[in-house]
């Protein structure tokens, strides 16, 4: 395992507010696109609809909380 993010989750327009307010989860329906491939537990970046970095976290593609 490396410290480099495996993928980037690009959020739908207007869905970044919760992450910016430090909410710990990103719901799957807030994700517009996944750039790269992420497996369970991989480190991923979270970006707004323009591609601006917001946060990083751990992927869970099998859950409603991505």
PDB file of N, CA and C in Angstrom:
ATOM      1  N   UNK A   1       0.850  -1.177   0.000  1.00  0.00           N
ATOM      2  CA  UNK A   1       0.000   0.000   0.000  1.00  0.00           C
ATOM      3  C   UNK A   1       0.902   1.249   0.000  1.00  0.00           C
ATOM      4  N   UNK A   2       0.525   2.253  -0.785  1.00  0.00           N
ATOM      5  CA  UNK A   2       1.293   3.490  -0.843  1.00  0.00           C
ATOM      6  C   UNK A   2       0.473   4.620  -0.250  1.00  0.00           C
ATOM      7  N   UNK A   3       1.129   5.771  -0.072  1.00  0.00           N
ATOM      8  CA  UNK A   3       0.418   6.932   0.444  1.00  0.00           C
ATOM      9  C   UNK A   3      -0.193   7.769  -0.668  1.00  0.00           C
ATOM     10  N   UNK A   4       0.070   7.423  -1.923  1.00  0.00           N
ATOM     11  CA  UNK A   4      -0.485   8.169  -3.053  1.00  0.00           C
ATOM     12  C   UNK A   4      -1.936   7.751  -3.275  1.00  0.00           C
ATOM     13  N   UNK A   5      -2.827   8.717  -3.503  1.00  0.00           N
ATOM     14  CA  UNK A   5      -4.228   8.377  -3.757  1.00  0.00           C
ATOM     15  C   UNK A   5      -4.381   7.486  -4.988  1.00  0.00           C
ATOM     16  N   UNK A   6      -5.234   6.476  -4.879  1.00  0.00           N
ATOM     17  CA  UNK A   6      -5.479   5.544  -5.978  1.00  0.00           C
ATOM     18  C   UNK A   6      -6.409   6.146  -7.020  1.00  0.00           C
ATOM     19  N   UNK A   7      -7.266   7.052  -6.610  1.00  0.00           N
ATOM     20  CA  UNK A   7      -8.276   7.613  -7.510  1.00  0.00           C
ATOM     21  C   UNK A   7      -8.742   8.956  -6.968  1.00  0.00           C
ATOM     22  N   UNK A   8      -9.543   9.627  -7.770  1.00  0.00           N
ATOM     23  CA  UNK A   8     -10.166  10.881  -7.339  1.00  0.00           C
ATOM     24  C   UNK A   8     -11.668  10.758  -7.518  1.00  0.00           C
ATOM     25  N   UNK A   9     -12.411  11.105  -6.490  1.00  0.00           N
ATOM     26  CA  UNK A   9     -13.867  11.161  -6.573  1.00  0.00           C
ATOM     27  C   UNK A   9     -14.237  12.591  -6.936  1.00  0.00           C
ATOM     28  N   UNK A  10     -14.895  12.764  -8.058  1.00  0.00           N
ATOM     29  CA  UNK A  10     -15.327  14.087  -8.499  1.00  0.00           C
ATOM     30  C   UNK A  10     -16.799  14.224  -8.114  1.00  0.00           C
ATOM     31  N   UNK A  11     -17.085  15.223  -7.299  1.00  0.00           N
ATOM     32  CA  UNK A  11     -18.445  15.406  -6.794  1.00  0.00           C
ATOM     33  C   UNK A  11     -19.327  16.140  -7.800  1.00  0.00           C
ATOM     34  N   UNK A  12     -20.614  15.883  -7.698  1.00  0.00           N
ATOM     35  CA  UNK A  12     -21.589  16.619  -8.506  1.00  0.00           C
ATOM     36  C   UNK A  12     -21.591  18.082  -8.055  1.00  0.00           C
ATOM     37  N   UNK A  13     -21.961  18.951  -8.971  1.00  0.00           N
ATOM     38  CA  UNK A  13     -22.038  20.380  -8.663  1.00  0.00           C
ATOM     39  C   UNK A  13     -22.921  20.598  -7.433  1.00  0.00           C
ATOM     40  N   UNK A  14     -22.437  21.386  -6.484  1.00  0.00           N
ATOM     41  CA  UNK A  14     -23.203  21.718  -5.290  1.00  0.00           C
ATOM     42  C   UNK A  14     -23.158  20.687  -4.180  1.00  0.00           C
ATOM     43  N   UNK A  15     -22.465  19.573  -4.378  1.00  0.00           N
ATOM     44  CA  UNK A  15     -22.447  18.509  -3.365  1.00  0.00           C
ATOM     45  C   UNK A  15     -21.193  18.538  -2.489  1.00  0.00           C
ATOM     46  N   UNK A  16     -20.339  19.541  -2.654  1.00  0.00           N
ATOM     47  CA  UNK A  16     -19.110  19.614  -1.884  1.00  0.00           C
ATOM     48  C   UNK A  16     -19.296  20.231  -0.502  1.00  0.00           C
ATOM     49  N   UNK A  17     -20.404  20.904  -0.268  1.00  0.00           N
ATOM     50  CA  UNK A  17     -20.613  21.660   0.972  1.00  0.00           C
ATOM     51  C   UNK A  17     -20.435  20.794   2.222  1.00  0.00           C
ATOM     52  N   UNK A  18     -21.011  19.605   2.241  1.00  0.00           N
ATOM     53  CA  UNK A  18     -20.902  18.742   3.421  1.00  0.00           C
ATOM     54  C   UNK A  18     -19.439  18.387   3.712  1.00  0.00           C
ATOM     55  N   UNK A  19     -18.685  18.089   2.663  1.00  0.00           N
ATOM     56  CA  UNK A  19     -17.271  17.747   2.853  1.00  0.00           C
ATOM     57  C   UNK A  19     -16.506  18.965   3.357  1.00  0.00           C
ATOM     58  N   UNK A  20     -16.791  20.126   2.794  1.00  0.00           N
ATOM     59  CA  UNK A  20     -16.132  21.352   3.248  1.00  0.00           C
ATOM     60  C   UNK A  20     -16.456  21.673   4.705  1.00  0.00           C
ATOM     61  N   UNK A  21     -17.609  21.222   5.183  1.00  0.00           N
ATOM     62  CA  UNK A  21     -18.013  21.436   6.574  1.00  0.00           C
ATOM     63  C   UNK A  21     -17.528  20.286   7.477  1.00  0.00           C
ATOM     64  N   UNK A  22     -16.619  19.442   6.941  1.00  0.00           N
ATOM     65  CA  UNK A  22     -15.969  18.345   7.668  1.00  0.00           C
ATOM     66  C   UNK A  22     -16.881  17.165   7.974  1.00  0.00           C
ATOM     67  N   UNK A  23     -17.945  16.996   7.184  1.00  0.00           N
ATOM     68  CA  UNK A  23     -18.761  15.787   7.338  1.00  0.00           C
ATOM     69  C   UNK A  23     -17.893  14.598   6.933  1.00  0.00           C
ATOM     70  N   UNK A  24     -17.890  13.516   7.699  1.00  0.00           N
ATOM     71  CA  UNK A  24     -16.936  12.436   7.452  1.00  0.00           C
ATOM     72  C   UNK A  24     -17.256  11.512   6.276  1.00  0.00           C
ATOM     73  N   UNK A  25     -18.439  11.599   5.696  1.00  0.00           N
ATOM     74  CA  UNK A  25     -18.806  10.674   4.626  1.00  0.00           C
ATOM     75  C   UNK A  25     -19.126  11.414   3.344  1.00  0.00           C
ATOM     76  N   UNK A  26     -18.853  10.740   2.229  1.00  0.00           N
ATOM     77  CA  UNK A  26     -19.300  11.195   0.913  1.00  0.00           C
ATOM     78  C   UNK A  26     -20.260  10.124   0.423  1.00  0.00           C
ATOM     79  N   UNK A  27     -21.510  10.488   0.230  1.00  0.00           N
ATOM     80  CA  UNK A  27     -22.499   9.518  -0.235  1.00  0.00           C
ATOM     81  C   UNK A  27     -22.311   9.246  -1.717  1.00  0.00           C
ATOM     82  N   UNK A  28     -22.532   8.006  -2.118  1.00  0.00           N
ATOM     83  CA  UNK A  28     -22.318   7.581  -3.503  1.00  0.00           C
ATOM     84  C   UNK A  28     -23.099   8.433  -4.498  1.00  0.00           C
ATOM     85  N   UNK A  29     -24.297   8.886  -4.136  1.00  0.00           N
ATOM     86  CA  UNK A  29     -25.085   9.686  -5.081  1.00  0.00           C
ATOM     87  C   UNK A  29     -24.538  11.106  -5.249  1.00  0.00           C
ATOM     88  N   UNK A  30     -23.555  11.499  -4.441  1.00  0.00           N
ATOM     89  CA  UNK A  30     -22.915  12.810  -4.588  1.00  0.00           C
ATOM     90  C   UNK A  30     -21.740  12.756  -5.567  1.00  0.00           C
ATOM     91  N   UNK A  31     -21.336  11.549  -5.946  1.00  0.00           N
ATOM     92  CA  UNK A  31     -20.177  11.366  -6.816  1.00  0.00           C
ATOM     93  C   UNK A  31     -20.622  11.361  -8.275  1.00  0.00           C
ATOM     94  N   UNK A  32     -20.041  12.269  -9.058  1.00  0.00           N
ATOM     95  CA  UNK A  32     -20.349  12.343 -10.483  1.00  0.00           C
ATOM     96  C   UNK A  32     -19.453  11.413 -11.289  1.00  0.00           C
ATOM     97  N   UNK A  33     -18.216  11.257 -10.830  1.00  0.00           N
ATOM     98  CA  UNK A  33     -17.227  10.522 -11.619  1.00  0.00           C
ATOM     99  C   UNK A  33     -16.127  10.013 -10.701  1.00  0.00           C
ATOM    100  N   UNK A  34     -15.567   8.873 -11.053  1.00  0.00           N
ATOM    101  CA  UNK A  34     -14.393   8.352 -10.364  1.00  0.00           C
ATOM    102  C   UNK A  34     -13.261   8.311 -11.383  1.00  0.00           C
ATOM    103  N   UNK A  35     -12.206   9.056 -11.119  1.00  0.00           N
ATOM    104  CA  UNK A  35     -11.043   9.059 -12.004  1.00  0.00           C
ATOM    105  C   UNK A  35      -9.991   8.142 -11.409  1.00  0.00           C
ATOM    106  N   UNK A  36      -9.731   7.040 -12.091  1.00  0.00           N
ATOM    107  CA  UNK A  36      -8.822   6.017 -11.594  1.00  0.00           C
ATOM    108  C   UNK A  36      -9.635   4.854 -11.053  1.00  0.00           C
ATOM    109  N   UNK A  37      -8.951   3.946 -10.386  1.00  0.00           N
ATOM    110  CA  UNK A  37      -9.615   2.783  -9.805  1.00  0.00           C
ATOM    111  C   UNK A  37      -9.307   2.713  -8.321  1.00  0.00           C
ATOM    112  N   UNK A  38     -10.341   2.533  -7.539  1.00  0.00           N
ATOM    113  CA  UNK A  38     -10.169   2.458  -6.088  1.00  0.00           C
ATOM    114  C   UNK A  38     -10.815   1.187  -5.561  1.00  0.00           C
ATOM    115  N   UNK A  39     -10.080   0.468  -4.753  1.00  0.00           N
ATOM    116  CA  UNK A  39     -10.578  -0.721  -4.075  1.00  0.00           C
ATOM    117  C   UNK A  39     -10.872  -0.374  -2.622  1.00  0.00           C
ATOM    118  N   UNK A  40     -11.543  -1.255  -1.950  1.00  0.00           N
ATOM    119  CA  UNK A  40     -11.887  -1.066  -0.545  1.00  0.00           C
ATOM    120  C   UNK A  40     -10.651  -0.676   0.263  1.00  0.00           C
ATOM    121  N   UNK A  41     -10.733   0.463   0.947  1.00  0.00           N
ATOM    122  CA  UNK A  41      -9.663   0.918   1.822  1.00  0.00           C
ATOM    123  C   UNK A  41      -8.581   1.743   1.155  1.00  0.00           C
ATOM    124  N   UNK A  42      -8.629   1.899  -0.178  1.00  0.00           N
ATOM    125  CA  UNK A  42      -7.631   2.722  -0.863  1.00  0.00           C
ATOM    126  C   UNK A  42      -7.810   4.191  -0.503  1.00  0.00           C
ATOM    127  N   UNK A  43      -6.708   4.900  -0.436  1.00  0.00           N
ATOM    128  CA  UNK A  43      -6.731   6.338  -0.229  1.00  0.00           C
ATOM    129  C   UNK A  43      -7.191   7.004  -1.532  1.00  0.00           C
ATOM    130  N   UNK A  44      -8.152   7.911  -1.434  1.00  0.00           N
ATOM    131  CA  UNK A  44      -8.663   8.636  -2.601  1.00  0.00           C
ATOM    132  C   UNK A  44      -8.738  10.129  -2.301  1.00  0.00           C
ATOM    133  N   UNK A  45      -8.674  10.919  -3.366  1.00  0.00           N
ATOM    134  CA  UNK A  45      -8.898  12.354  -3.251  1.00  0.00           C
ATOM    135  C   UNK A  45     -10.377  12.630  -3.476  1.00  0.00           C
ATOM    136  N   UNK A  46     -10.877  13.680  -2.858  1.00  0.00           N
ATOM    137  CA  UNK A  46     -12.234  14.162  -3.099  1.00  0.00           C
ATOM    138  C   UNK A  46     -12.088  15.542  -3.716  1.00  0.00           C
ATOM    139  N   UNK A  47     -12.707  15.728  -4.882  1.00  0.00           N
ATOM    140  CA  UNK A  47     -12.599  16.991  -5.614  1.00  0.00           C
ATOM    141  C   UNK A  47     -13.983  17.503  -5.978  1.00  0.00           C
ATOM    142  N   UNK A  48     -14.110  18.827  -6.098  1.00  0.00           N
ATOM    143  CA  UNK A  48     -15.401  19.392  -6.498  1.00  0.00           C
ATOM    144  C   UNK A  48     -15.613  19.196  -8.000  1.00  0.00           C
ATOM    145  N   UNK A  49     -16.730  19.666  -8.514  1.00  0.00           N
ATOM    146  CA  UNK A  49     -17.084  19.437  -9.922  1.00  0.00           C
ATOM    147  C   UNK A  49     -16.104  20.092 -10.895  1.00  0.00           C
ATOM    148  N   UNK A  50     -15.319  21.046 -10.423  1.00  0.00           N
ATOM    149  CA  UNK A  50     -14.309  21.712 -11.266  1.00  0.00           C
ATOM    150  C   UNK A  50     -12.950  21.029 -11.165  1.00  0.00           C
ATOM    151  N   UNK A  51     -12.824  20.071 -10.262  1.00  0.00           N
ATOM    152  CA  UNK A  51     -11.559  19.368 -10.071  1.00  0.00           C
ATOM    153  C   UNK A  51     -10.717  19.901  -8.940  1.00  0.00           C
ATOM    154  N   UNK A  52     -11.228  20.884  -8.190  1.00  0.00           N
ATOM    155  CA  UNK A  52     -10.486  21.463  -7.060  1.00  0.00           C
ATOM    156  C   UNK A  52     -10.437  20.469  -5.894  1.00  0.00           C
ATOM    157  N   UNK A  53      -9.243  20.254  -5.352  1.00  0.00           N
ATOM    158  CA  UNK A  53      -9.061  19.351  -4.217  1.00  0.00           C
ATOM    159  C   UNK A  53      -9.823  19.874  -3.003  1.00  0.00           C
ATOM    160  N   UNK A  54     -10.560  18.966  -2.328  1.00  0.00           N
ATOM    161  CA  UNK A  54     -11.293  19.323  -1.114  1.00  0.00           C
ATOM    162  C   UNK A  54     -10.762  18.537   0.086  1.00  0.00           C
ATOM    163  N   UNK A  55     -10.561  17.228  -0.124  1.00  0.00           N
ATOM    164  CA  UNK A  55     -10.183  16.365   0.999  1.00  0.00           C
ATOM    165  C   UNK A  55      -9.622  15.058   0.468  1.00  0.00           C
ATOM    166  N   UNK A  56      -9.233  14.201   1.382  1.00  0.00           N
ATOM    167  CA  UNK A  56      -8.899  12.836   1.005  1.00  0.00           C
ATOM    168  C   UNK A  56      -9.503  11.908   2.036  1.00  0.00           C
ATOM    169  N   UNK A  57      -9.682  10.669   1.640  1.00  0.00           N
ATOM    170  CA  UNK A  57     -10.288   9.695   2.529  1.00  0.00           C
ATOM    171  C   UNK A  57     -10.042   8.292   2.016  1.00  0.00           C
ATOM    172  N   UNK A  58     -10.780   7.340   2.550  1.00  0.00           N
ATOM    173  CA  UNK A  58     -10.630   5.940   2.176  1.00  0.00           C
ATOM    174  C   UNK A  58     -11.857   5.476   1.413  1.00  0.00           C
ATOM    175  N   UNK A  59     -11.623   4.739   0.348  1.00  0.00           N
ATOM    176  CA  UNK A  59     -12.694   4.283  -0.546  1.00  0.00           C
ATOM    177  C   UNK A  59     -13.444   3.083   0.034  1.00  0.00           C
ATOM    178  N   UNK A  60     -14.732   3.062  -0.268  1.00  0.00           N
ATOM    179  CA  UNK A  60     -15.566   1.892   0.023  1.00  0.00           C
ATOM    180  C   UNK A  60     -16.588   1.780  -1.104  1.00  0.00           C
ATOM    181  N   UNK A  61     -16.187   1.222  -2.252  1.00  0.00           N
ATOM    182  CA  UNK A  61     -17.086   1.151  -3.400  1.00  0.00           C
ATOM    183  C   UNK A  61     -18.310   0.262  -3.186  1.00  0.00           C
ATOM    184  N   UNK A  62     -18.325  -0.545  -2.138  1.00  0.00           N
ATOM    185  CA  UNK A  62     -19.444  -1.448  -1.894  1.00  0.00           C
ATOM    186  C   UNK A  62     -20.506  -0.837  -0.991  1.00  0.00           C
ATOM    187  N   UNK A  63     -20.351   0.419  -0.615  1.00  0.00           N
ATOM    188  CA  UNK A  63     -21.260   1.050   0.340  1.00  0.00           C
ATOM    189  C   UNK A  63     -21.926   2.286  -0.249  1.00  0.00           C
ATOM    190  N   UNK A  64     -23.027   2.720   0.380  1.00  0.00           N
ATOM    191  CA  UNK A  64     -23.672   3.987  -0.005  1.00  0.00           C
ATOM    192  C   UNK A  64     -22.792   5.173   0.350  1.00  0.00           C
ATOM    193  N   UNK A  65     -21.886   4.977   1.308  1.00  0.00           N
ATOM    194  CA  UNK A  65     -20.916   6.014   1.646  1.00  0.00           C
ATOM    195  C   UNK A  65     -19.619   5.670   0.918  1.00  0.00           C
ATOM    196  N   UNK A  66     -19.436   6.318  -0.214  1.00  0.00           N
ATOM    197  CA  UNK A  66     -18.313   5.995  -1.100  1.00  0.00           C
ATOM    198  C   UNK A  66     -16.975   6.187  -0.418  1.00  0.00           C
TER     199      UNK A  66
END
